[in-house]
């Protein structure tokens, strides 16, 4: 059984920052973890993912503002998000890929508003 739990969301002003965390529990070797987000009424979009220790990939819209990192020993992935924009208000979902299967968290709400 794999359980994925995100934390760190909240209300932030435009231009502000947040650090999201996500931990996957279970007995496995972590290979890929990442983040998607889903704004109200829109599809779920990829934000960033990391493979292994430092192979990172970002959506073009977040390049230079978001940083994904991982603590493999703790099966925990982080997403540092800076210079947030109101249109980035969304539920941010974490996932982990284990033996070809993708497991999702329940999401954490990020609201960007003044």
N, C-alpha and C. Protein backbone atom coordinates (compact mmCIF):
# COMPACT_ATOMS: atom_id res chain seq x y z
N UNK A 1 0.85 -1.19 0.00
CA UNK A 1 0.00 0.00 0.00
C UNK A 1 0.89 1.24 0.00
N UNK A 2 0.65 2.13 -0.94
CA UNK A 2 1.40 3.39 -1.04
C UNK A 2 0.47 4.53 -0.68
N UNK A 3 0.94 5.37 0.20
CA UNK A 3 0.17 6.54 0.60
C UNK A 3 0.99 7.78 0.28
N UNK A 4 0.35 8.73 -0.39
CA UNK A 4 1.03 9.96 -0.80
C UNK A 4 0.32 11.14 -0.16
N UNK A 5 1.06 11.95 0.57
CA UNK A 5 0.46 13.04 1.32
C UNK A 5 1.22 14.33 1.06
N UNK A 6 0.47 15.35 0.60
CA UNK A 6 1.06 16.67 0.36
C UNK A 6 0.79 17.59 1.54
N UNK A 7 1.61 18.62 1.65
CA UNK A 7 1.39 19.67 2.64
C UNK A 7 2.06 20.94 2.16
N UNK A 8 1.73 22.05 2.82
CA UNK A 8 2.41 23.30 2.53
C UNK A 8 1.62 24.31 1.74
N UNK A 9 0.43 23.94 1.29
CA UNK A 9 -0.38 24.90 0.56
C UNK A 9 -0.93 25.98 1.47
N UNK A 10 -1.55 26.98 0.86
CA UNK A 10 -2.13 28.05 1.65
C UNK A 10 -2.45 29.26 0.80
N UNK A 11 -2.71 30.35 1.49
CA UNK A 11 -3.03 31.62 0.84
C UNK A 11 -1.78 32.48 0.80
N UNK A 12 -1.47 33.00 -0.36
CA UNK A 12 -0.29 33.83 -0.51
C UNK A 12 -0.60 34.99 -1.44
N UNK A 13 0.04 36.10 -1.22
CA UNK A 13 -0.18 37.27 -2.07
C UNK A 13 0.57 37.11 -3.39
N UNK A 14 0.11 37.79 -4.43
CA UNK A 14 0.85 37.75 -5.70
C UNK A 14 2.31 38.14 -5.48
N UNK A 15 3.19 37.38 -6.11
CA UNK A 15 4.61 37.60 -5.93
C UNK A 15 5.21 36.85 -4.77
N UNK A 16 4.37 36.21 -3.99
CA UNK A 16 4.84 35.49 -2.82
C UNK A 16 5.36 34.10 -3.13
N UNK A 17 5.76 33.41 -2.06
CA UNK A 17 6.37 32.09 -2.20
C UNK A 17 5.73 31.08 -1.25
N UNK A 18 5.83 29.84 -1.65
CA UNK A 18 5.41 28.73 -0.80
C UNK A 18 6.35 27.57 -1.05
N UNK A 19 6.43 26.69 -0.07
CA UNK A 19 7.19 25.45 -0.25
C UNK A 19 6.25 24.29 0.04
N UNK A 20 6.00 23.50 -0.99
CA UNK A 20 5.15 22.34 -0.86
C UNK A 20 6.01 21.10 -0.58
N UNK A 21 5.46 20.21 0.21
CA UNK A 21 6.15 18.95 0.50
C UNK A 21 5.22 17.79 0.20
N UNK A 22 5.82 16.67 -0.10
CA UNK A 22 5.02 15.47 -0.40
C UNK A 22 5.83 14.25 0.00
N UNK A 23 5.22 13.41 0.80
CA UNK A 23 5.89 12.19 1.25
C UNK A 23 5.08 10.97 0.82
N UNK A 24 5.79 10.03 0.26
CA UNK A 24 5.17 8.76 -0.13
C UNK A 24 5.61 7.69 0.87
N UNK A 25 4.65 7.07 1.49
CA UNK A 25 4.97 6.06 2.49
C UNK A 25 4.86 4.68 1.89
N UNK A 26 5.67 3.77 2.39
CA UNK A 26 5.66 2.41 1.87
C UNK A 26 7.08 1.95 1.69
N UNK A 27 7.22 0.70 1.36
CA UNK A 27 8.55 0.13 1.20
C UNK A 27 8.86 0.01 -0.29
N UNK A 28 9.66 0.96 -0.80
CA UNK A 28 9.98 0.95 -2.21
C UNK A 28 11.17 1.85 -2.44
N UNK A 29 11.72 1.75 -3.62
CA UNK A 29 12.82 2.62 -4.02
C UNK A 29 12.25 3.69 -4.94
N UNK A 30 12.38 4.94 -4.52
CA UNK A 30 11.80 6.05 -5.26
C UNK A 30 12.60 6.33 -6.52
N UNK A 31 11.92 6.43 -7.66
CA UNK A 31 12.58 6.78 -8.91
C UNK A 31 12.13 8.13 -9.42
N UNK A 32 10.82 8.33 -9.51
CA UNK A 32 10.28 9.57 -10.04
C UNK A 32 9.18 10.09 -9.12
N UNK A 33 9.28 11.36 -8.80
CA UNK A 33 8.21 12.04 -8.09
C UNK A 33 7.98 13.38 -8.75
N UNK A 34 6.78 13.89 -8.67
CA UNK A 34 6.52 15.16 -9.33
C UNK A 34 5.23 15.80 -8.90
N UNK A 35 4.93 16.88 -9.60
CA UNK A 35 3.77 17.71 -9.26
C UNK A 35 2.96 18.07 -10.51
N UNK A 36 1.66 18.06 -10.32
CA UNK A 36 0.71 18.61 -11.28
C UNK A 36 -0.11 19.66 -10.53
N UNK A 37 -0.86 20.43 -11.27
CA UNK A 37 -1.82 21.34 -10.65
C UNK A 37 -3.08 21.42 -11.49
N UNK A 38 -4.17 21.71 -10.82
CA UNK A 38 -5.45 21.82 -11.51
C UNK A 38 -6.19 23.04 -10.99
N UNK A 39 -6.36 24.01 -11.88
CA UNK A 39 -7.11 25.21 -11.56
C UNK A 39 -8.60 24.93 -11.74
N UNK A 40 -9.45 25.72 -11.10
CA UNK A 40 -10.89 25.49 -11.21
C UNK A 40 -11.36 25.49 -12.66
N UNK A 41 -12.07 24.46 -13.05
CA UNK A 41 -12.61 24.38 -14.39
C UNK A 41 -11.62 24.04 -15.48
N UNK A 42 -10.39 23.69 -15.10
CA UNK A 42 -9.36 23.39 -16.10
C UNK A 42 -8.81 21.98 -15.89
N UNK A 43 -8.07 21.52 -16.87
CA UNK A 43 -7.48 20.19 -16.78
C UNK A 43 -6.27 20.22 -15.85
N UNK A 44 -5.88 19.04 -15.43
CA UNK A 44 -4.71 18.92 -14.59
C UNK A 44 -3.47 19.01 -15.46
N UNK A 45 -2.57 19.91 -15.12
CA UNK A 45 -1.38 20.17 -15.92
C UNK A 45 -0.11 19.81 -15.15
N UNK A 46 0.85 19.30 -15.89
CA UNK A 46 2.15 18.97 -15.29
C UNK A 46 2.88 20.24 -14.89
N UNK A 47 3.52 20.21 -13.73
CA UNK A 47 4.29 21.35 -13.25
C UNK A 47 5.79 21.03 -13.30
N UNK A 48 6.17 19.95 -12.63
CA UNK A 48 7.58 19.58 -12.56
C UNK A 48 7.70 18.16 -12.07
N UNK A 49 8.81 17.52 -12.43
CA UNK A 49 9.10 16.22 -11.85
C UNK A 49 10.60 16.05 -11.75
N UNK A 50 10.99 15.08 -10.95
CA UNK A 50 12.40 14.79 -10.75
C UNK A 50 12.61 13.29 -10.80
N UNK A 51 13.63 12.87 -11.51
CA UNK A 51 13.97 11.46 -11.64
C UNK A 51 15.31 11.24 -10.94
N UNK A 52 15.33 10.30 -10.02
CA UNK A 52 16.56 10.07 -9.30
C UNK A 52 16.90 11.25 -8.41
N UNK A 53 18.17 11.59 -8.35
CA UNK A 53 18.60 12.65 -7.44
C UNK A 53 18.50 14.05 -8.04
N UNK A 54 18.73 14.19 -9.35
CA UNK A 54 18.83 15.55 -9.86
C UNK A 54 18.45 15.71 -11.33
N UNK A 55 17.71 14.80 -11.89
CA UNK A 55 17.22 14.95 -13.26
C UNK A 55 15.85 15.61 -13.20
N UNK A 56 15.84 16.93 -13.43
CA UNK A 56 14.63 17.73 -13.22
C UNK A 56 14.01 18.14 -14.56
N UNK A 57 12.71 18.28 -14.54
CA UNK A 57 11.97 18.73 -15.72
C UNK A 57 10.86 19.66 -15.27
N UNK A 58 10.70 20.78 -16.00
CA UNK A 58 9.72 21.78 -15.62
C UNK A 58 8.83 22.15 -16.80
N UNK A 59 7.60 22.51 -16.49
CA UNK A 59 6.75 23.13 -17.50
C UNK A 59 7.33 24.50 -17.84
N UNK A 60 7.18 24.91 -19.07
CA UNK A 60 7.75 26.19 -19.50
C UNK A 60 7.24 27.35 -18.65
N UNK A 61 6.00 27.27 -18.23
CA UNK A 61 5.38 28.39 -17.51
C UNK A 61 5.97 28.62 -16.12
N UNK A 62 6.70 27.65 -15.60
CA UNK A 62 7.23 27.80 -14.24
C UNK A 62 8.75 27.85 -14.21
N UNK A 63 9.39 27.74 -15.35
CA UNK A 63 10.85 27.78 -15.40
C UNK A 63 11.39 29.04 -14.77
N UNK A 64 12.38 28.87 -13.92
CA UNK A 64 13.02 30.00 -13.26
C UNK A 64 12.32 30.45 -11.99
N UNK A 65 11.11 29.95 -11.76
CA UNK A 65 10.38 30.36 -10.55
C UNK A 65 10.11 29.18 -9.60
N UNK A 66 10.00 28.02 -10.14
CA UNK A 66 9.72 26.81 -9.35
C UNK A 66 10.97 25.94 -9.31
N UNK A 67 11.19 25.30 -8.18
CA UNK A 67 12.31 24.38 -8.05
C UNK A 67 11.82 23.10 -7.38
N UNK A 68 12.07 21.98 -8.05
CA UNK A 68 11.71 20.68 -7.49
C UNK A 68 12.96 20.01 -6.95
N UNK A 69 12.83 19.41 -5.77
CA UNK A 69 13.96 18.71 -5.17
C UNK A 69 13.43 17.47 -4.45
N UNK A 70 14.34 16.60 -4.08
CA UNK A 70 13.90 15.34 -3.49
C UNK A 70 14.86 14.88 -2.41
N UNK A 71 14.28 14.25 -1.40
CA UNK A 71 15.05 13.54 -0.38
C UNK A 71 14.70 12.07 -0.57
N UNK A 72 15.54 11.37 -1.31
CA UNK A 72 15.22 9.98 -1.64
C UNK A 72 15.14 9.09 -0.40
N UNK A 73 15.97 9.40 0.58
CA UNK A 73 15.98 8.57 1.79
C UNK A 73 14.63 8.63 2.50
N UNK A 74 13.93 9.75 2.34
CA UNK A 74 12.65 9.92 3.02
C UNK A 74 11.47 9.85 2.07
N UNK A 75 11.73 9.49 0.80
CA UNK A 75 10.66 9.46 -0.21
C UNK A 75 9.83 10.74 -0.19
N UNK A 76 10.52 11.86 -0.10
CA UNK A 76 9.85 13.15 0.00
C UNK A 76 10.32 14.06 -1.13
N UNK A 77 9.37 14.68 -1.79
CA UNK A 77 9.67 15.63 -2.84
C UNK A 77 9.17 17.01 -2.41
N UNK A 78 9.90 18.03 -2.79
CA UNK A 78 9.56 19.40 -2.44
C UNK A 78 9.35 20.21 -3.72
N UNK A 79 8.53 21.23 -3.59
CA UNK A 79 8.34 22.16 -4.69
C UNK A 79 8.40 23.57 -4.10
N UNK A 80 9.48 24.27 -4.39
CA UNK A 80 9.62 25.67 -3.98
C UNK A 80 9.00 26.51 -5.09
N UNK A 81 8.00 27.28 -4.74
CA UNK A 81 7.32 28.07 -5.75
C UNK A 81 7.45 29.55 -5.39
N UNK A 82 8.01 30.30 -6.29
CA UNK A 82 8.27 31.73 -6.08
C UNK A 82 7.53 32.57 -7.11
N UNK A 83 7.41 33.85 -6.80
CA UNK A 83 6.79 34.81 -7.73
C UNK A 83 5.45 34.31 -8.21
N UNK A 84 4.62 33.89 -7.28
CA UNK A 84 3.32 33.32 -7.64
C UNK A 84 2.41 34.36 -8.27
N UNK A 85 1.60 33.87 -9.21
CA UNK A 85 0.65 34.71 -9.92
C UNK A 85 -0.77 34.28 -9.56
N UNK A 86 -1.73 35.20 -9.61
CA UNK A 86 -3.11 34.82 -9.27
C UNK A 86 -3.64 33.65 -10.11
N UNK A 87 -3.23 33.60 -11.36
CA UNK A 87 -3.72 32.52 -12.23
C UNK A 87 -3.12 31.16 -11.88
N UNK A 88 -2.20 31.15 -10.94
CA UNK A 88 -1.63 29.88 -10.49
C UNK A 88 -2.36 29.32 -9.27
N UNK A 89 -3.45 29.95 -8.93
CA UNK A 89 -4.33 29.38 -7.92
C UNK A 89 -4.85 28.04 -8.43
N UNK A 90 -4.61 27.01 -7.62
CA UNK A 90 -4.96 25.66 -8.07
C UNK A 90 -4.78 24.69 -6.91
N UNK A 91 -5.25 23.48 -7.14
CA UNK A 91 -4.90 22.38 -6.26
C UNK A 91 -3.64 21.75 -6.84
N UNK A 92 -2.64 21.64 -6.02
CA UNK A 92 -1.37 21.06 -6.46
C UNK A 92 -1.31 19.61 -5.98
N UNK A 93 -1.10 18.71 -6.95
CA UNK A 93 -1.09 17.28 -6.67
C UNK A 93 0.32 16.72 -6.84
N UNK A 94 0.67 15.86 -5.92
CA UNK A 94 1.95 15.17 -5.98
C UNK A 94 1.72 13.74 -6.46
N UNK A 95 2.71 13.19 -7.12
CA UNK A 95 2.62 11.78 -7.51
C UNK A 95 3.99 11.12 -7.37
N UNK A 96 3.95 9.81 -7.28
CA UNK A 96 5.17 9.01 -7.26
C UNK A 96 4.98 7.84 -8.21
N UNK A 97 6.01 7.52 -8.94
CA UNK A 97 5.98 6.38 -9.85
C UNK A 97 6.73 5.24 -9.20
N UNK A 98 6.04 4.13 -9.03
CA UNK A 98 6.63 2.95 -8.39
C UNK A 98 6.33 1.73 -9.25
N UNK A 99 7.38 1.11 -9.75
CA UNK A 99 7.23 -0.11 -10.58
C UNK A 99 6.21 0.11 -11.69
N UNK A 100 6.27 1.27 -12.32
CA UNK A 100 5.43 1.57 -13.47
C UNK A 100 4.06 2.10 -13.13
N UNK A 101 3.69 2.07 -11.87
CA UNK A 101 2.39 2.59 -11.46
C UNK A 101 2.52 3.99 -10.88
N UNK A 102 1.50 4.80 -11.09
CA UNK A 102 1.53 6.18 -10.59
C UNK A 102 0.54 6.31 -9.45
N UNK A 103 1.02 6.84 -8.34
CA UNK A 103 0.19 7.02 -7.15
C UNK A 103 0.09 8.51 -6.84
N UNK A 104 -1.13 8.94 -6.54
CA UNK A 104 -1.41 10.36 -6.34
C UNK A 104 -1.76 10.68 -4.90
N UNK A 105 -1.43 11.91 -4.51
CA UNK A 105 -1.90 12.44 -3.26
C UNK A 105 -3.27 13.07 -3.43
N UNK A 106 -3.78 13.58 -2.33
CA UNK A 106 -5.13 14.17 -2.35
C UNK A 106 -5.11 15.63 -2.78
N UNK A 107 -3.92 16.21 -2.86
CA UNK A 107 -3.79 17.60 -3.31
C UNK A 107 -3.72 18.58 -2.16
N UNK A 108 -3.09 19.70 -2.43
CA UNK A 108 -3.02 20.79 -1.47
C UNK A 108 -3.36 22.09 -2.20
N UNK A 109 -4.22 22.87 -1.59
CA UNK A 109 -4.73 24.09 -2.24
C UNK A 109 -3.72 25.22 -2.11
N UNK A 110 -3.44 25.85 -3.23
CA UNK A 110 -2.63 27.07 -3.26
C UNK A 110 -3.51 28.17 -3.82
N UNK A 111 -3.69 29.22 -3.04
CA UNK A 111 -4.51 30.35 -3.46
C UNK A 111 -3.65 31.59 -3.48
N UNK A 112 -3.60 32.23 -4.64
CA UNK A 112 -2.80 33.45 -4.81
C UNK A 112 -3.75 34.62 -4.95
N UNK A 113 -3.78 35.46 -3.94
CA UNK A 113 -4.75 36.55 -3.93
C UNK A 113 -4.29 37.64 -2.98
N UNK A 114 -4.63 38.87 -3.33
CA UNK A 114 -4.32 39.99 -2.44
C UNK A 114 -5.52 40.30 -1.56
